[in-house]
Amino acid sequence: MEQDQIQNVAFNIILHSGSSRTLIHNAFELMRNNEFESAASRLEEANDDLLSAHQTQSSLLQQYSSGEDVNVDIIMVHAQDHLMTTMTLREVALEMLSLYERIAKIDK
């Protein structure tokens, strides 16, 4: 695989995980305002972007596993880091949504 193709894959991963991160932070704001359905919707949208990034990553892994030479550079390392931290952030956001909802019920 050519270096420019690997960079395109990396930028695609960064693009989708960055979009996802923005949606997650938007969901946090909605949670703080007790807009739980909207927050859940944003987290679902964020998951869609994460799935796109993950599919891009998986295609690269499939090429590698089929014996194709894949040389990874720093931008790919950054892309992988970006994806994994955003995936973790979404998991935390889902837990926080549950907690915010529970607190809202107690406050009533």
PDB file of N, CA and C in Angstrom:
ATOM      1  N   MET A   1       0.857  -1.177   0.000  1.00  0.00           N
ATOM      2  CA  MET A   1       0.000   0.000   0.000  1.00  0.00           C
ATOM      3  C   MET A   1       0.899   1.233   0.000  1.00  0.00           C
ATOM      4  N   GLU A   2       0.563   2.167  -0.858  1.00  0.00           N
ATOM      5  CA  GLU A   2       1.337   3.403  -0.988  1.00  0.00           C
ATOM      6  C   GLU A   2       1.151   4.297   0.238  1.00  0.00           C
ATOM      7  N   GLN A   3       2.175   5.092   0.515  1.00  0.00           N
ATOM      8  CA  GLN A   3       2.147   5.967   1.683  1.00  0.00           C
ATOM      9  C   GLN A   3       0.989   6.967   1.620  1.00  0.00           C
ATOM     10  N   ASP A   4       0.703   7.498   0.427  1.00  0.00           N
ATOM     11  CA  ASP A   4      -0.406   8.456   0.333  1.00  0.00           C
ATOM     12  C   ASP A   4      -1.749   7.789   0.591  1.00  0.00           C
ATOM     13  N   GLN A   5      -1.890   6.505   0.263  1.00  0.00           N
ATOM     14  CA  GLN A   5      -3.123   5.773   0.560  1.00  0.00           C
ATOM     15  C   GLN A   5      -3.282   5.583   2.067  1.00  0.00           C
ATOM     16  N   ILE A   6      -2.184   5.267   2.734  1.00  0.00           N
ATOM     17  CA  ILE A   6      -2.215   5.111   4.193  1.00  0.00           C
ATOM     18  C   ILE A   6      -2.580   6.437   4.851  1.00  0.00           C
ATOM     19  N   GLN A   7      -2.012   7.524   4.349  1.00  0.00           N
ATOM     20  CA  GLN A   7      -2.350   8.830   4.905  1.00  0.00           C
ATOM     21  C   GLN A   7      -3.820   9.159   4.684  1.00  0.00           C
ATOM     22  N   ASN A   8      -4.362   8.804   3.532  1.00  0.00           N
ATOM     23  CA  ASN A   8      -5.792   9.035   3.284  1.00  0.00           C
ATOM     24  C   ASN A   8      -6.648   8.246   4.262  1.00  0.00           C
ATOM     25  N   VAL A   9      -6.255   7.018   4.535  1.00  0.00           N
ATOM     26  CA  VAL A   9      -6.973   6.208   5.522  1.00  0.00           C
ATOM     27  C   VAL A   9      -6.902   6.879   6.889  1.00  0.00           C
ATOM     28  N   ALA A  10      -5.722   7.341   7.255  1.00  0.00           N
ATOM     29  CA  ALA A  10      -5.540   7.999   8.552  1.00  0.00           C
ATOM     30  C   ALA A  10      -6.404   9.247   8.657  1.00  0.00           C
ATOM     31  N   PHE A  11      -6.401  10.067   7.623  1.00  0.00           N
ATOM     32  CA  PHE A  11      -7.207  11.289   7.663  1.00  0.00           C
ATOM     33  C   PHE A  11      -8.696  10.978   7.697  1.00  0.00           C
ATOM     34  N   ASN A  12      -9.105   9.913   7.046  1.00  0.00           N
ATOM     35  CA  ASN A  12     -10.502   9.493   7.088  1.00  0.00           C
ATOM     36  C   ASN A  12     -10.885   9.096   8.510  1.00  0.00           C
ATOM     37  N   ILE A  13     -10.025   8.355   9.179  1.00  0.00           N
ATOM     38  CA  ILE A  13     -10.268   7.958  10.567  1.00  0.00           C
ATOM     39  C   ILE A  13     -10.354   9.197  11.459  1.00  0.00           C
ATOM     40  N   ILE A  14      -9.425  10.130  11.272  1.00  0.00           N
ATOM     41  CA  ILE A  14      -9.416  11.363  12.068  1.00  0.00           C
ATOM     42  C   ILE A  14     -10.678  12.176  11.814  1.00  0.00           C
ATOM     43  N   LEU A  15     -11.083  12.273  10.562  1.00  0.00           N
ATOM     44  CA  LEU A  15     -12.287  13.029  10.207  1.00  0.00           C
ATOM     45  C   LEU A  15     -13.519  12.481  10.921  1.00  0.00           C
ATOM     46  N   HIS A  16     -13.727  11.176  10.812  1.00  0.00           N
ATOM     47  CA  HIS A  16     -14.924  10.584  11.414  1.00  0.00           C
ATOM     48  C   HIS A  16     -14.860  10.578  12.943  1.00  0.00           C
ATOM     49  N   SER A  17     -13.703  10.297  13.503  1.00  0.00           N
ATOM     50  CA  SER A  17     -13.634  10.304  14.965  1.00  0.00           C
ATOM     51  C   SER A  17     -13.736  11.733  15.502  1.00  0.00           C
ATOM     52  N   GLY A  18     -13.240  12.707  14.755  1.00  0.00           N
ATOM     53  CA  GLY A  18     -13.389  14.107  15.162  1.00  0.00           C
ATOM     54  C   GLY A  18     -14.837  14.555  15.128  1.00  0.00           C
ATOM     55  N   SER A  19     -15.556  14.161  14.084  1.00  0.00           N
ATOM     56  CA  SER A  19     -16.986  14.471  14.010  1.00  0.00           C
ATOM     57  C   SER A  19     -17.727  13.824  15.172  1.00  0.00           C
ATOM     58  N   SER A  20     -17.361  12.599  15.472  1.00  0.00           N
ATOM     59  CA  SER A  20     -17.972  11.881  16.580  1.00  0.00           C
ATOM     60  C   SER A  20     -17.713  12.589  17.905  1.00  0.00           C
ATOM     61  N   ARG A  21     -16.501  13.015  18.103  1.00  0.00           N
ATOM     62  CA  ARG A  21     -16.136  13.708  19.349  1.00  0.00           C
ATOM     63  C   ARG A  21     -16.961  14.983  19.520  1.00  0.00           C
ATOM     64  N   THR A  22     -17.149  15.722  18.445  1.00  0.00           N
ATOM     65  CA  THR A  22     -17.955  16.937  18.496  1.00  0.00           C
ATOM     66  C   THR A  22     -19.391  16.613  18.906  1.00  0.00           C
ATOM     67  N   LEU A  23     -19.956  15.562  18.335  1.00  0.00           N
ATOM     68  CA  LEU A  23     -21.312  15.150  18.692  1.00  0.00           C
ATOM     69  C   LEU A  23     -21.405  14.724  20.158  1.00  0.00           C
ATOM     70  N   ILE A  24     -20.383  14.050  20.640  1.00  0.00           N
ATOM     71  CA  ILE A  24     -20.371  13.606  22.040  1.00  0.00           C
ATOM     72  C   ILE A  24     -20.358  14.810  22.975  1.00  0.00           C
ATOM     73  N   HIS A  25     -19.527  15.795  22.668  1.00  0.00           N
ATOM     74  CA  HIS A  25     -19.489  16.987  23.522  1.00  0.00           C
ATOM     75  C   HIS A  25     -20.808  17.754  23.458  1.00  0.00           C
ATOM     76  N   ASN A  26     -21.454  17.738  22.309  1.00  0.00           N
ATOM     77  CA  ASN A  26     -22.779  18.327  22.196  1.00  0.00           C
ATOM     78  C   ASN A  26     -23.768  17.569  23.085  1.00  0.00           C
ATOM     79  N   ALA A  27     -23.639  16.251  23.116  1.00  0.00           N
ATOM     80  CA  ALA A  27     -24.508  15.429  23.970  1.00  0.00           C
ATOM     81  C   ALA A  27     -24.298  15.757  25.447  1.00  0.00           C
ATOM     82  N   PHE A  28     -23.056  16.009  25.857  1.00  0.00           N
ATOM     83  CA  PHE A  28     -22.807  16.388  27.251  1.00  0.00           C
ATOM     84  C   PHE A  28     -23.573  17.662  27.603  1.00  0.00           C
ATOM     85  N   GLU A  29     -23.550  18.632  26.706  1.00  0.00           N
ATOM     86  CA  GLU A  29     -24.278  19.877  26.954  1.00  0.00           C
ATOM     87  C   GLU A  29     -25.781  19.607  27.069  1.00  0.00           C
ATOM     88  N   LEU A  30     -26.301  18.767  26.197  1.00  0.00           N
ATOM     89  CA  LEU A  30     -27.719  18.414  26.259  1.00  0.00           C
ATOM     90  C   LEU A  30     -28.053  17.695  27.561  1.00  0.00           C
ATOM     91  N   MET A  31     -27.170  16.836  28.017  1.00  0.00           N
ATOM     92  CA  MET A  31     -27.391  16.139  29.297  1.00  0.00           C
ATOM     93  C   MET A  31     -27.501  17.146  30.443  1.00  0.00           C
ATOM     94  N   ARG A  32     -26.577  18.119  30.440  1.00  0.00           N
ATOM     95  CA  ARG A  32     -26.601  19.127  31.507  1.00  0.00           C
ATOM     96  C   ARG A  32     -27.905  19.915  31.514  1.00  0.00           C
ATOM     97  N   ASN A  33     -28.546  20.010  30.348  1.00  0.00           N
ATOM     98  CA  ASN A  33     -29.813  20.740  30.228  1.00  0.00           C
ATOM     99  C   ASN A  33     -31.032  19.820  30.314  1.00  0.00           C
ATOM    100  N   ASN A  34     -30.804  18.580  30.771  1.00  0.00           N
ATOM    101  CA  ASN A  34     -31.878  17.587  30.918  1.00  0.00           C
ATOM    102  C   ASN A  34     -32.609  17.281  29.607  1.00  0.00           C
ATOM    103  N   GLU A  35     -31.928  17.386  28.501  1.00  0.00           N
ATOM    104  CA  GLU A  35     -32.487  17.062  27.190  1.00  0.00           C
ATOM    105  C   GLU A  35     -31.974  15.671  26.795  1.00  0.00           C
ATOM    106  N   PHE A  36     -32.490  14.669  27.491  1.00  0.00           N
ATOM    107  CA  PHE A  36     -31.928  13.331  27.412  1.00  0.00           C
ATOM    108  C   PHE A  36     -32.172  12.632  26.080  1.00  0.00           C
ATOM    109  N   GLU A  37     -33.339  12.820  25.507  1.00  0.00           N
ATOM    110  CA  GLU A  37     -33.608  12.178  24.214  1.00  0.00           C
ATOM    111  C   GLU A  37     -32.695  12.744  23.127  1.00  0.00           C
ATOM    112  N   SER A  38     -32.512  14.053  23.155  1.00  0.00           N
ATOM    113  CA  SER A  38     -31.611  14.680  22.181  1.00  0.00           C
ATOM    114  C   SER A  38     -30.171  14.230  22.411  1.00  0.00           C
ATOM    115  N   ALA A  39     -29.780  14.105  23.668  1.00  0.00           N
ATOM    116  CA  ALA A  39     -28.425  13.643  23.983  1.00  0.00           C
ATOM    117  C   ALA A  39     -28.217  12.223  23.471  1.00  0.00           C
ATOM    118  N   ALA A  40     -29.202  11.367  23.699  1.00  0.00           N
ATOM    119  CA  ALA A  40     -29.103   9.982  23.221  1.00  0.00           C
ATOM    120  C   ALA A  40     -29.005   9.946  21.700  1.00  0.00           C
ATOM    121  N   SER A  41     -29.746  10.821  21.050  1.00  0.00           N
ATOM    122  CA  SER A  41     -29.701  10.904  19.594  1.00  0.00           C
ATOM    123  C   SER A  41     -28.310  11.313  19.107  1.00  0.00           C
ATOM    124  N   ARG A  42     -27.702  12.286  19.788  1.00  0.00           N
ATOM    125  CA  ARG A  42     -26.344  12.721  19.410  1.00  0.00           C
ATOM    126  C   ARG A  42     -25.345  11.588  19.606  1.00  0.00           C
ATOM    127  N   LEU A  43     -25.519  10.827  20.672  1.00  0.00           N
ATOM    128  CA  LEU A  43     -24.603   9.714  20.920  1.00  0.00           C
ATOM    129  C   LEU A  43     -24.763   8.626  19.865  1.00  0.00           C
ATOM    130  N   GLU A  44     -25.971   8.459  19.361  1.00  0.00           N
ATOM    131  CA  GLU A  44     -26.196   7.497  18.282  1.00  0.00           C
ATOM    132  C   GLU A  44     -25.537   7.988  16.988  1.00  0.00           C
ATOM    133  N   GLU A  45     -25.674   9.283  16.716  1.00  0.00           N
ATOM    134  CA  GLU A  45     -24.996   9.868  15.551  1.00  0.00           C
ATOM    135  C   GLU A  45     -23.480   9.718  15.690  1.00  0.00           C
ATOM    136  N   ALA A  46     -22.987   9.934  16.891  1.00  0.00           N
ATOM    137  CA  ALA A  46     -21.553   9.790  17.147  1.00  0.00           C
ATOM    138  C   ALA A  46     -21.103   8.363  16.867  1.00  0.00           C
ATOM    139  N   ASN A  47     -21.942   7.415  17.236  1.00  0.00           N
ATOM    140  CA  ASN A  47     -21.620   6.014  16.985  1.00  0.00           C
ATOM    141  C   ASN A  47     -21.547   5.730  15.489  1.00  0.00           C
ATOM    142  N   ASP A  48     -22.426   6.343  14.709  1.00  0.00           N
ATOM    143  CA  ASP A  48     -22.386   6.159  13.258  1.00  0.00           C
ATOM    144  C   ASP A  48     -21.040   6.605  12.688  1.00  0.00           C
ATOM    145  N   ASP A  49     -20.552   7.756  13.160  1.00  0.00           N
ATOM    146  CA  ASP A  49     -19.235   8.225  12.706  1.00  0.00           C
ATOM    147  C   ASP A  49     -18.125   7.284  13.163  1.00  0.00           C
ATOM    148  N   LEU A  50     -18.246   6.803  14.385  1.00  0.00           N
ATOM    149  CA  LEU A  50     -17.235   5.862  14.874  1.00  0.00           C
ATOM    150  C   LEU A  50     -17.228   4.576  14.054  1.00  0.00           C
ATOM    151  N   LEU A  51     -18.397   4.123  13.668  1.00  0.00           N
ATOM    152  CA  LEU A  51     -18.472   2.923  12.833  1.00  0.00           C
ATOM    153  C   LEU A  51     -17.804   3.151  11.478  1.00  0.00           C
ATOM    154  N   SER A  52     -17.992   4.332  10.912  1.00  0.00           N
ATOM    155  CA  SER A  52     -17.334   4.652   9.645  1.00  0.00           C
ATOM    156  C   SER A  52     -15.815   4.650   9.806  1.00  0.00           C
ATOM    157  N   ALA A  53     -15.346   5.246  10.883  1.00  0.00           N
ATOM    158  CA  ALA A  53     -13.906   5.261  11.139  1.00  0.00           C
ATOM    159  C   ALA A  53     -13.385   3.848  11.360  1.00  0.00           C
ATOM    160  N   HIS A  54     -14.136   3.065  12.101  1.00  0.00           N
ATOM    161  CA  HIS A  54     -13.717   1.689  12.394  1.00  0.00           C
ATOM    162  C   HIS A  54     -13.694   0.838  11.128  1.00  0.00           C
ATOM    163  N   GLN A  55     -14.660   1.041  10.246  1.00  0.00           N
ATOM    164  CA  GLN A  55     -14.670   0.300   8.980  1.00  0.00           C
ATOM    165  C   GLN A  55     -13.452   0.646   8.136  1.00  0.00           C
ATOM    166  N   THR A  56     -13.084   1.914   8.132  1.00  0.00           N
ATOM    167  CA  THR A  56     -11.882   2.343   7.408  1.00  0.00           C
ATOM    168  C   THR A  56     -10.653   1.656   7.995  1.00  0.00           C
ATOM    169  N   GLN A  57     -10.570   1.622   9.311  1.00  0.00           N
ATOM    170  CA  GLN A  57      -9.469   0.961   9.998  1.00  0.00           C
ATOM    171  C   GLN A  57      -9.457  -0.531   9.676  1.00  0.00           C
ATOM    172  N   SER A  58     -10.623  -1.146   9.693  1.00  0.00           N
ATOM    173  CA  SER A  58     -10.723  -2.590   9.437  1.00  0.00           C
ATOM    174  C   SER A  58     -10.271  -2.944   8.028  1.00  0.00           C
ATOM    175  N   SER A  59     -10.579  -2.090   7.061  1.00  0.00           N
ATOM    176  CA  SER A  59     -10.146  -2.375   5.689  1.00  0.00           C
ATOM    177  C   SER A  59      -8.625  -2.387   5.602  1.00  0.00           C
ATOM    178  N   LEU A  60      -7.989  -1.506   6.325  1.00  0.00           N
ATOM    179  CA  LEU A  60      -6.522  -1.478   6.355  1.00  0.00           C
ATOM    180  C   LEU A  60      -5.976  -2.741   7.020  1.00  0.00           C
ATOM    181  N   LEU A  61      -6.607  -3.160   8.102  1.00  0.00           N
ATOM    182  CA  LEU A  61      -6.171  -4.382   8.795  1.00  0.00           C
ATOM    183  C   LEU A  61      -6.367  -5.618   7.923  1.00  0.00           C
ATOM    184  N   GLN A  62      -7.443  -5.641   7.157  1.00  0.00           N
ATOM    185  CA  GLN A  62      -7.689  -6.771   6.252  1.00  0.00           C
ATOM    186  C   GLN A  62      -6.605  -6.844   5.179  1.00  0.00           C
ATOM    187  N   GLN A  63      -6.217  -5.690   4.653  1.00  0.00           N
ATOM    188  CA  GLN A  63      -5.153  -5.674   3.653  1.00  0.00           C
ATOM    189  C   GLN A  63      -3.848  -6.194   4.253  1.00  0.00           C
ATOM    190  N   TYR A  64      -3.581  -5.756   5.465  1.00  0.00           N
ATOM    191  CA  TYR A  64      -2.366  -6.203   6.139  1.00  0.00           C
ATOM    192  C   TYR A  64      -2.398  -7.714   6.383  1.00  0.00           C
ATOM    193  N   SER A  65      -3.542  -8.214   6.844  1.00  0.00           N
ATOM    194  CA  SER A  65      -3.645  -9.642   7.156  1.00  0.00           C
ATOM    195  C   SER A  65      -3.599 -10.510   5.906  1.00  0.00           C
ATOM    196  N   SER A  66      -3.896  -9.929   4.750  1.00  0.00           N
ATOM    197  CA  SER A  66      -3.813 -10.700   3.508  1.00  0.00           C
ATOM    198  C   SER A  66      -2.413 -10.672   2.917  1.00  0.00           C
ATOM    199  N   GLY A  67      -1.478 -10.090   3.665  1.00  0.00           N
ATOM    200  CA  GLY A  67      -0.085 -10.122   3.237  1.00  0.00           C
ATOM    201  C   GLY A  67       0.412  -8.856   2.570  1.00  0.00           C
ATOM    202  N   GLU A  68      -0.462  -7.878   2.427  1.00  0.00           N
ATOM    203  CA  GLU A  68      -0.045  -6.624   1.809  1.00  0.00           C
ATOM    204  C   GLU A  68       0.845  -5.850   2.779  1.00  0.00           C
ATOM    205  N   ASP A  69       1.881  -5.239   2.245  1.00  0.00           N
ATOM    206  CA  ASP A  69       2.808  -4.463   3.062  1.00  0.00           C
ATOM    207  C   ASP A  69       2.168  -3.128   3.427  1.00  0.00           C
ATOM    208  N   VAL A  70       2.018  -2.875   4.724  1.00  0.00           N
ATOM    209  CA  VAL A  70       1.426  -1.635   5.209  1.00  0.00           C
ATOM    210  C   VAL A  70       2.425  -0.988   6.158  1.00  0.00           C
ATOM    211  N   ASN A  71       3.015   0.112   5.708  1.00  0.00           N
ATOM    212  CA  ASN A  71       3.960   0.855   6.542  1.00  0.00           C
ATOM    213  C   ASN A  71       3.223   1.979   7.247  1.00  0.00           C
ATOM    214  N   VAL A  72       3.236   1.958   8.548  1.00  0.00           N
ATOM    215  CA  VAL A  72       2.502   2.932   9.347  1.00  0.00           C
ATOM    216  C   VAL A  72       3.430   4.077   9.722  1.00  0.00           C
ATOM    217  N   ASP A  73       2.928   5.300   9.574  1.00  0.00           N
ATOM    218  CA  ASP A  73       3.699   6.459  10.000  1.00  0.00           C
ATOM    219  C   ASP A  73       2.988   7.161  11.150  1.00  0.00           C
ATOM    220  N   ILE A  74       3.508   8.274  11.573  1.00  0.00           N
ATOM    221  CA  ILE A  74       3.015   8.944  12.775  1.00  0.00           C
ATOM    222  C   ILE A  74       1.560   9.399  12.636  1.00  0.00           C
ATOM    223  N   ILE A  75       1.130   9.765  11.428  1.00  0.00           N
ATOM    224  CA  ILE A  75      -0.248  10.208  11.259  1.00  0.00           C
ATOM    225  C   ILE A  75      -1.228   9.058  11.510  1.00  0.00           C
ATOM    226  N   MET A  76      -0.838   7.845  11.165  1.00  0.00           N
ATOM    227  CA  MET A  76      -1.701   6.693  11.428  1.00  0.00           C
ATOM    228  C   MET A  76      -1.744   6.399  12.927  1.00  0.00           C
ATOM    229  N   VAL A  77      -0.625   6.550  13.594  1.00  0.00           N
ATOM    230  CA  VAL A  77      -0.603   6.369  15.050  1.00  0.00           C
ATOM    231  C   VAL A  77      -1.534   7.392  15.696  1.00  0.00           C
ATOM    232  N   HIS A  78      -1.479   8.625  15.229  1.00  0.00           N
ATOM    233  CA  HIS A  78      -2.353   9.671  15.747  1.00  0.00           C
ATOM    234  C   HIS A  78      -3.813   9.331  15.470  1.00  0.00           C
ATOM    235  N   ALA A  79      -4.103   8.850  14.280  1.00  0.00           N
ATOM    236  CA  ALA A  79      -5.474   8.488  13.914  1.00  0.00           C
ATOM    237  C   ALA A  79      -6.006   7.383  14.820  1.00  0.00           C
ATOM    238  N   GLN A  80      -5.179   6.377  15.070  1.00  0.00           N
ATOM    239  CA  GLN A  80      -5.595   5.270  15.938  1.00  0.00           C
ATOM    240  C   GLN A  80      -5.859   5.771  17.358  1.00  0.00           C
ATOM    241  N   ASP A  81      -4.992   6.649  17.836  1.00  0.00           N
ATOM    242  CA  ASP A  81      -5.166   7.217  19.167  1.00  0.00           C
ATOM    243  C   ASP A  81      -6.454   8.023  19.235  1.00  0.00           C
ATOM    244  N   HIS A  82      -6.693   8.816  18.216  1.00  0.00           N
ATOM    245  CA  HIS A  82      -7.899   9.640  18.148  1.00  0.00           C
ATOM    246  C   HIS A  82      -9.148   8.763  18.171  1.00  0.00           C
ATOM    247  N   LEU A  83      -9.143   7.706  17.393  1.00  0.00           N
ATOM    248  CA  LEU A  83     -10.293   6.802  17.326  1.00  0.00           C
ATOM    249  C   LEU A  83     -10.543   6.120  18.662  1.00  0.00           C
ATOM    250  N   MET A  84      -9.512   5.580  19.253  1.00  0.00           N
ATOM    251  CA  MET A  84      -9.697   4.837  20.498  1.00  0.00           C
ATOM    252  C   MET A  84     -10.136   5.734  21.644  1.00  0.00           C
ATOM    253  N   THR A  85      -9.590   6.949  21.732  1.00  0.00           N
ATOM    254  CA  THR A  85     -10.008   7.832  22.827  1.00  0.00           C
ATOM    255  C   THR A  85     -11.448   8.304  22.615  1.00  0.00           C
ATOM    256  N   THR A  86     -11.843   8.501  21.364  1.00  0.00           N
ATOM    257  CA  THR A  86     -13.226   8.911  21.102  1.00  0.00           C
ATOM    258  C   THR A  86     -14.194   7.772  21.396  1.00  0.00           C
ATOM    259  N   MET A  87     -13.804   6.551  21.085  1.00  0.00           N
ATOM    260  CA  MET A  87     -14.653   5.402  21.414  1.00  0.00           C
ATOM    261  C   MET A  87     -14.846   5.307  22.927  1.00  0.00           C
ATOM    262  N   THR A  88     -13.787   5.527  23.665  1.00  0.00           N
ATOM    263  CA  THR A  88     -13.858   5.494  25.126  1.00  0.00           C
ATOM    264  C   THR A  88     -14.713   6.639  25.647  1.00  0.00           C
ATOM    265  N   LEU A  89     -14.549   7.818  25.057  1.00  0.00           N
ATOM    266  CA  LEU A  89     -15.344   8.975  25.467  1.00  0.00           C
ATOM    267  C   LEU A  89     -16.831   8.703  25.276  1.00  0.00           C
ATOM    268  N   ARG A  90     -17.197   8.052  24.177  1.00  0.00           N
ATOM    269  CA  ARG A  90     -18.611   7.734  23.941  1.00  0.00           C
ATOM    270  C   ARG A  90     -19.126   6.758  24.996  1.00  0.00           C
ATOM    271  N   GLU A  91     -18.328   5.776  25.357  1.00  0.00           N
ATOM    272  CA  GLU A  91     -18.742   4.829  26.391  1.00  0.00           C
ATOM    273  C   GLU A  91     -18.983   5.548  27.715  1.00  0.00           C
ATOM    274  N   VAL A  92     -18.104   6.485  28.054  1.00  0.00           N
ATOM    275  CA  VAL A  92     -18.271   7.264  29.275  1.00  0.00           C
ATOM    276  C   VAL A  92     -19.531   8.127  29.176  1.00  0.00           C
ATOM    277  N   ALA A  93     -19.769   8.709  28.008  1.00  0.00           N
ATOM    278  CA  ALA A  93     -20.949   9.549  27.813  1.00  0.00           C
ATOM    279  C   ALA A  93     -22.238   8.755  27.988  1.00  0.00           C
ATOM    280  N   LEU A  94     -22.250   7.523  27.518  1.00  0.00           N
ATOM    281  CA  LEU A  94     -23.436   6.682  27.705  1.00  0.00           C
ATOM    282  C   LEU A  94     -23.695   6.434  29.189  1.00  0.00           C
ATOM    283  N   GLU A  95     -22.647   6.192  29.939  1.00  0.00           N
ATOM    284  CA  GLU A  95     -22.797   6.004  31.386  1.00  0.00           C
ATOM    285  C   GLU A  95     -23.275   7.294  32.048  1.00  0.00           C
ATOM    286  N   MET A  96     -22.718   8.411  31.625  1.00  0.00           N
ATOM    287  CA  MET A  96     -23.122   9.692  32.204  1.00  0.00           C
ATOM    288  C   MET A  96     -24.572  10.006  31.883  1.00  0.00           C
ATOM    289  N   LEU A  97     -25.019   9.656  30.686  1.00  0.00           N
ATOM    290  CA  LEU A  97     -26.425   9.874  30.330  1.00  0.00           C
ATOM    291  C   LEU A  97     -27.329   9.132  31.303  1.00  0.00           C
ATOM    292  N   SER A  98     -26.972   7.912  31.596  1.00  0.00           N
ATOM    293  CA  SER A  98     -27.755   7.123  32.549  1.00  0.00           C
ATOM    294  C   SER A  98     -27.767   7.793  33.923  1.00  0.00           C
ATOM    295  N   LEU A  99     -26.636   8.289  34.349  1.00  0.00           N
ATOM    296  CA  LEU A  99     -26.556   8.950  35.653  1.00  0.00           C
ATOM    297  C   LEU A  99     -27.349  10.253  35.681  1.00  0.00           C
ATOM    298  N   TYR A 100     -27.230  11.049  34.629  1.00  0.00           N
ATOM    299  CA  TYR A 100     -28.006  12.284  34.549  1.00  0.00           C
ATOM    300  C   TYR A 100     -29.500  11.997  34.599  1.00  0.00           C
ATOM    301  N   GLU A 101     -29.932  10.972  33.896  1.00  0.00           N
ATOM    302  CA  GLU A 101     -31.347  10.608  33.916  1.00  0.00           C
ATOM    303  C   GLU A 101     -31.787  10.179  35.312  1.00  0.00           C
ATOM    304  N   ARG A 102     -30.956   9.421  35.972  1.00  0.00           N
ATOM    305  CA  ARG A 102     -31.276   8.962  37.331  1.00  0.00           C
ATOM    306  C   ARG A 102     -31.375  10.156  38.301  1.00  0.00           C
ATOM    307  N   ILE A 103     -30.439  11.075  38.185  1.00  0.00           N
ATOM    308  CA  ILE A 103     -30.448  12.250  39.046  1.00  0.00           C
ATOM    309  C   ILE A 103     -31.697  13.094  38.788  1.00  0.00           C
ATOM    310  N   ALA A 104     -32.062  13.243  37.530  1.00  0.00           N
ATOM    311  CA  ALA A 104     -33.255  14.024  37.170  1.00  0.00           C
ATOM    312  C   ALA A 104     -34.505  13.408  37.789  1.00  0.00           C
ATOM    313  N   LYS A 105     -34.591  12.078  37.814  1.00  0.00           N
ATOM    314  CA  LYS A 105     -35.749  11.403  38.425  1.00  0.00           C
ATOM    315  C   LYS A 105     -35.774  11.641  39.925  1.00  0.00           C
ATOM    316  N   ILE A 106     -34.623  11.620  40.550  1.00  0.00           N
ATOM    317  CA  ILE A 106     -34.541  11.848  42.004  1.00  0.00           C
ATOM    318  C   ILE A 106     -34.932  13.291  42.336  1.00  0.00           C
ATOM    319  N   ASP A 107     -34.505  14.237  41.493  1.00  0.00           N
ATOM    320  CA  ASP A 107     -34.812  15.641  41.732  1.00  0.00           C
ATOM    321  C   ASP A 107     -36.299  15.968  41.597  1.00  0.00           C
ATOM    322  N   LYS A 108     -37.037  15.127  40.872  1.00  0.00           N
ATOM    323  CA  LYS A 108     -38.480  15.385  40.715  1.00  0.00           C
ATOM    324  C   LYS A 108     -39.134  15.097  42.015  1.00  0.00           C
TER     325      LYS A 108
END
